């Protein structure tokens, strides 16, 4: 059985700091490199074209919509969807090549190992952080509302198989960047709860859930083993739970 051709698909907006590293690692497994860009104002598009990627520009309408659009633009039915700040390790590239040569089922999951402010995070619920990213696009689609998009296989499809190896996820370069993104994401999360009909916010949501988020990640999921990175993640994540519900409460009270 011949290897299935694979499109590596990436959505971007102002990713000049990350995209070259992502593309250089991905092209070893790609029969097509496709970047769907939301009209970046930096050198993202130029870098992508220099590295041999086909670039399609499309206005951003949400993560789910953008990823479904990007998947539809691929030249091949089998797709590996990456974020611009993710890099395939050699072990993972080997696993992907094996999957291409011996395709089974509807899709495969990959593990992400996150770099936080220069440290690799192996605990606190951040690893292995498996995501379904390698798939036959005829057998599923991206789902979600405003945040936490995920690829969902159609009913009746087999459970996706795990790939060996990691995707290195270069997430936050500083605590300030983490806090800035947290503020943006909690606003989106609050809006998503609102759209789902959530209106009531209690002391439980504002005090107990943030406390549990910290304890669960830092103690029970061994976040303390990651040193300062683990502590920073646990505290900021707990703060994010409070912010999400605080923003929902102010919206409901308006």
Protein backbone atom coordinates (compact mmCIF):
# COMPACT_ATOMS: atom_id res chain seq x y z
CA UNK A 1 0.00 0.00 0.00
CA UNK A 2 1.54 3.34 -1.01
CA UNK A 3 2.04 6.10 1.54
CA UNK A 4 -0.85 8.53 1.85
CA UNK A 5 0.07 12.07 0.78
CA UNK A 6 -0.06 14.51 3.68
CA UNK A 7 -0.89 18.20 3.87
CA UNK A 8 0.61 20.02 6.86
CA UNK A 9 -1.77 22.89 7.61
CA UNK A 10 -1.02 25.86 9.88
CA UNK A 11 -3.09 28.97 10.64
CA UNK A 12 -1.12 32.13 11.38
CA UNK A 13 -1.32 35.76 12.39
CA UNK A 14 1.91 37.68 13.06
CA UNK A 15 3.96 34.55 13.76
CA UNK A 16 7.33 35.65 12.35
CA UNK A 17 9.04 34.63 15.62
CA UNK A 18 7.80 31.02 15.39
CA UNK A 19 6.80 30.00 11.90
CA UNK A 20 10.21 29.19 10.39
CA UNK A 21 11.04 26.72 13.16
CA UNK A 22 7.64 25.06 12.72
CA UNK A 23 7.86 24.75 8.93
CA UNK A 24 11.45 23.55 8.86
CA UNK A 25 10.59 20.62 11.12
CA UNK A 26 7.29 19.83 9.40
CA UNK A 27 8.46 19.73 5.81
CA UNK A 28 10.25 16.43 6.45
CA UNK A 29 6.82 14.71 6.58
CA UNK A 30 4.81 17.02 4.34
CA UNK A 31 3.75 16.50 0.75
CA UNK A 32 2.25 19.97 1.01
CA UNK A 33 2.91 22.85 3.39
CA UNK A 34 -0.17 25.07 3.60
CA UNK A 35 -0.39 28.25 5.67
CA UNK A 36 -3.72 30.04 6.06
CA UNK A 37 -2.85 33.53 7.24
CA UNK A 38 -5.17 36.14 8.75
CA UNK A 39 -3.51 39.08 6.98
CA UNK A 40 -0.38 39.30 9.13
CA UNK A 41 1.34 42.68 9.34
CA UNK A 42 4.82 41.26 10.05
CA UNK A 43 7.06 38.99 7.91
CA UNK A 44 5.01 35.82 8.46
CA UNK A 45 3.83 35.46 4.86
CA UNK A 46 7.25 36.28 3.42
CA UNK A 47 8.95 33.66 5.61
CA UNK A 48 6.36 31.02 4.73
CA UNK A 49 6.84 31.54 1.00
CA UNK A 50 10.62 31.52 1.37
CA UNK A 51 10.34 28.08 3.00
CA UNK A 52 8.16 26.67 0.25
CA UNK A 53 4.72 26.92 1.85
CA UNK A 54 1.60 27.72 -0.13
CA UNK A 55 -0.06 30.72 1.53
CA UNK A 56 -3.79 31.43 1.48
CA UNK A 57 -5.01 34.58 3.19
CA UNK A 58 -8.39 34.47 4.89
CA UNK A 59 -9.94 36.83 7.45
CA UNK A 60 -10.07 35.31 10.93
CA UNK A 61 -13.61 34.43 12.02
CA UNK A 62 -12.80 32.29 15.05
CA UNK A 63 -10.52 29.32 15.70
CA UNK A 64 -13.05 26.66 14.71
CA UNK A 65 -14.05 28.39 11.49
CA UNK A 66 -10.46 29.18 10.54
CA UNK A 67 -9.23 25.63 11.10
CA UNK A 68 -12.13 24.11 9.18
CA UNK A 69 -11.47 26.54 6.33
CA UNK A 70 -7.75 25.72 6.40
CA UNK A 71 -8.48 21.98 6.33
CA UNK A 72 -10.78 22.45 3.34
CA UNK A 73 -8.02 24.25 1.41
CA UNK A 74 -5.54 21.35 1.71
CA UNK A 75 -4.70 19.51 -1.50
CA UNK A 76 -4.70 16.11 0.23
CA UNK A 77 -7.34 14.29 2.25
CA UNK A 78 -4.92 13.42 5.07
CA UNK A 79 -4.03 16.46 7.16
CA UNK A 80 -1.63 17.27 9.96
CA UNK A 81 -2.82 20.47 11.65
CA UNK A 82 -0.18 22.36 13.64
CA UNK A 83 0.00 25.66 15.49
CA UNK A 84 2.79 28.00 14.50
CA UNK A 85 4.49 27.64 17.90
CA UNK A 86 4.72 23.83 17.65
CA UNK A 87 7.77 21.90 16.41
CA UNK A 88 7.83 18.20 15.50
CA UNK A 89 10.66 16.24 17.13
CA UNK A 90 12.53 13.60 15.12
CA UNK A 91 10.75 10.83 17.07
CA UNK A 92 7.38 12.29 16.18
CA UNK A 93 8.37 12.77 12.55
CA UNK A 94 9.35 9.11 12.43
CA UNK A 95 5.93 8.14 13.86
CA UNK A 96 4.15 10.30 11.30
CA UNK A 97 6.09 8.76 8.43
CA UNK A 98 5.15 5.32 9.74
CA UNK A 99 1.47 6.37 9.93
CA UNK A 100 1.61 7.61 6.35
CA UNK A 101 2.97 4.25 5.21
CA UNK A 102 0.58 2.19 7.34
CA UNK A 103 -2.52 4.35 7.73
CA UNK A 104 -5.10 2.92 10.10
CA UNK A 105 -8.44 4.26 11.25
CA UNK A 106 -9.51 7.88 11.10
CA UNK A 107 -6.78 9.77 12.92
CA UNK A 108 -3.89 9.95 15.37
CA UNK A 109 -3.14 11.95 18.49
CA UNK A 110 0.17 13.58 19.34
CA UNK A 111 1.65 14.61 22.68
CA UNK A 112 2.74 18.20 23.32
CA UNK A 113 5.67 19.12 25.56
CA UNK A 114 5.40 22.77 26.52
CA UNK A 115 8.22 25.23 27.03
CA UNK A 116 7.24 27.87 29.58
CA UNK A 117 9.61 30.83 30.06
CA UNK A 118 12.54 28.64 29.02
CA UNK A 119 11.60 25.55 31.07
CA UNK A 120 10.02 22.30 29.87
CA UNK A 121 6.83 21.55 31.80
CA UNK A 122 6.23 17.86 32.49
CA UNK A 123 3.61 18.00 35.25
CA UNK A 124 0.60 19.98 36.43
CA UNK A 125 -1.65 18.51 33.75
CA UNK A 126 0.37 20.11 30.93
CA UNK A 127 1.95 16.89 29.67
CA UNK A 128 1.37 14.85 27.59
CA UNK A 129 -1.57 17.11 26.57
CA UNK A 130 -2.59 14.80 23.71
CA UNK A 131 -4.43 16.34 20.75
CA UNK A 132 -6.03 14.79 17.68
CA UNK A 133 -4.07 16.56 14.93
CA UNK A 134 -3.37 13.97 12.23
CA UNK A 135 -6.58 12.94 10.51
CA UNK A 136 -8.50 12.00 7.41
CA UNK A 137 -10.54 15.14 6.82
CA UNK A 138 -13.40 13.15 5.29
CA UNK A 139 -14.11 11.57 8.68
CA UNK A 140 -14.48 14.56 11.03
CA UNK A 141 -14.31 18.31 11.51
CA UNK A 142 -13.22 20.99 13.96
CA UNK A 143 -15.84 21.72 16.64
CA UNK A 144 -16.28 24.18 19.50
CA UNK A 145 -17.81 27.57 20.14
CA UNK A 146 -15.36 30.42 20.69
CA UNK A 147 -12.52 28.73 22.53
CA UNK A 148 -11.06 25.26 23.13
CA UNK A 149 -11.52 24.10 19.55
CA UNK A 150 -11.02 20.38 19.00
CA UNK A 151 -11.10 17.99 16.10
CA UNK A 152 -14.07 15.60 16.40
CA UNK A 153 -14.32 12.38 14.44
CA UNK A 154 -17.70 11.45 13.00
CA UNK A 155 -19.88 9.03 14.96
CA UNK A 156 -18.85 5.43 14.55
CA UNK A 157 -15.20 6.14 13.78
CA UNK A 158 -12.56 4.22 15.77
CA UNK A 159 -10.68 5.80 18.66
CA UNK A 160 -7.64 7.69 17.31
CA UNK A 161 -4.29 6.01 17.76
CA UNK A 162 -1.44 7.65 19.74
CA UNK A 163 1.76 8.66 17.96
CA UNK A 164 5.11 8.21 19.69
CA UNK A 165 7.25 11.33 20.13
CA UNK A 166 6.47 14.89 21.14
CA UNK A 167 5.53 18.14 19.50
CA UNK A 168 7.52 20.86 21.25
CA UNK A 169 5.14 23.67 22.16
CA UNK A 170 6.87 27.02 22.64
CA UNK A 171 4.06 28.73 24.50
CA UNK A 172 4.91 31.64 26.80
CA UNK A 173 8.21 33.49 26.70
CA UNK A 174 7.41 35.54 29.79
CA UNK A 175 4.96 35.73 32.68
CA UNK A 176 3.73 39.02 31.22
CA UNK A 177 2.83 37.27 27.95
CA UNK A 178 0.98 34.56 29.89
CA UNK A 179 -1.04 37.15 31.81
CA UNK A 180 -1.87 39.12 28.67
CA UNK A 181 -3.14 36.03 26.88
CA UNK A 182 -5.02 34.90 29.99
CA UNK A 183 -6.90 38.20 30.03
CA UNK A 184 -7.90 37.76 26.39
CA UNK A 185 -8.84 34.10 26.72
CA UNK A 186 -10.90 34.58 29.89
CA UNK A 187 -12.93 37.24 28.11
CA UNK A 188 -13.60 34.78 25.29
CA UNK A 189 -14.38 32.00 27.79
CA UNK A 190 -16.86 34.20 29.64
CA UNK A 191 -18.55 35.08 26.36
CA UNK A 192 -18.73 31.40 25.48
CA UNK A 193 -20.41 30.59 28.81
CA UNK A 194 -22.87 33.41 28.15
CA UNK A 195 -23.70 32.03 24.70
CA UNK A 196 -24.30 28.62 26.28
CA UNK A 197 -26.91 30.19 28.55
CA UNK A 198 -24.85 30.40 31.74
CA UNK A 199 -25.97 33.28 33.97
CA UNK A 200 -25.53 32.32 37.65
CA UNK A 201 -22.16 32.89 39.32
CA UNK A 202 -21.76 32.06 43.00
CA UNK A 203 -19.08 32.22 45.67
CA UNK A 204 -18.32 28.61 44.74
CA UNK A 205 -17.27 29.72 41.25
CA UNK A 206 -15.30 32.75 42.46
CA UNK A 207 -13.48 31.18 45.42
CA UNK A 208 -13.68 27.39 45.54
CA UNK A 209 -13.11 26.62 41.85
CA UNK A 210 -9.98 28.83 41.60
CA UNK A 211 -8.63 27.30 44.83
CA UNK A 212 -9.26 23.79 43.50
CA UNK A 213 -7.62 24.67 40.18
CA UNK A 214 -4.44 25.59 42.06
CA UNK A 215 -4.47 22.58 44.39
CA UNK A 216 -5.29 20.14 41.62
CA UNK A 217 -2.53 21.33 39.30
CA UNK A 218 0.18 22.18 41.81
CA UNK A 219 -0.32 19.36 44.32
CA UNK A 220 -2.27 16.46 42.83
CA UNK A 221 -0.86 16.79 39.30
CA UNK A 222 2.66 17.38 40.72
CA UNK A 223 3.11 20.87 39.32
CA UNK A 224 5.52 21.65 42.16
CA UNK A 225 8.06 19.35 40.47
CA UNK A 226 8.41 21.91 37.67
CA UNK A 227 9.82 24.55 40.03
CA UNK A 228 9.04 28.19 39.32
CA UNK A 229 7.31 27.32 36.04
CA UNK A 230 4.94 24.96 37.86
CA UNK A 231 4.16 27.52 40.53
CA UNK A 232 3.59 30.31 38.03
CA UNK A 233 1.30 28.15 35.90
CA UNK A 234 -0.74 27.00 38.92
CA UNK A 235 -1.23 30.52 40.30
CA UNK A 236 -2.04 32.15 36.96
CA UNK A 237 -4.37 29.29 35.99
CA UNK A 238 -6.27 29.70 39.26
CA UNK A 239 -6.48 33.43 38.63
CA UNK A 240 -7.85 32.65 35.18
CA UNK A 241 -10.72 30.64 36.67
CA UNK A 242 -11.62 33.61 38.88
CA UNK A 243 -11.38 36.06 35.97
CA UNK A 244 -13.61 33.94 33.74
CA UNK A 245 -16.43 33.82 36.27
CA UNK A 246 -15.91 37.41 37.43
CA UNK A 247 -16.28 38.60 33.83
CA UNK A 248 -19.37 36.45 33.39
CA UNK A 249 -20.87 37.86 36.58
CA UNK A 250 -20.31 41.47 35.50
CA UNK A 251 -21.83 40.65 32.12
CA UNK A 252 -24.87 39.08 33.74
CA UNK A 253 -25.26 42.08 36.07
CA UNK A 254 -25.01 44.65 33.30
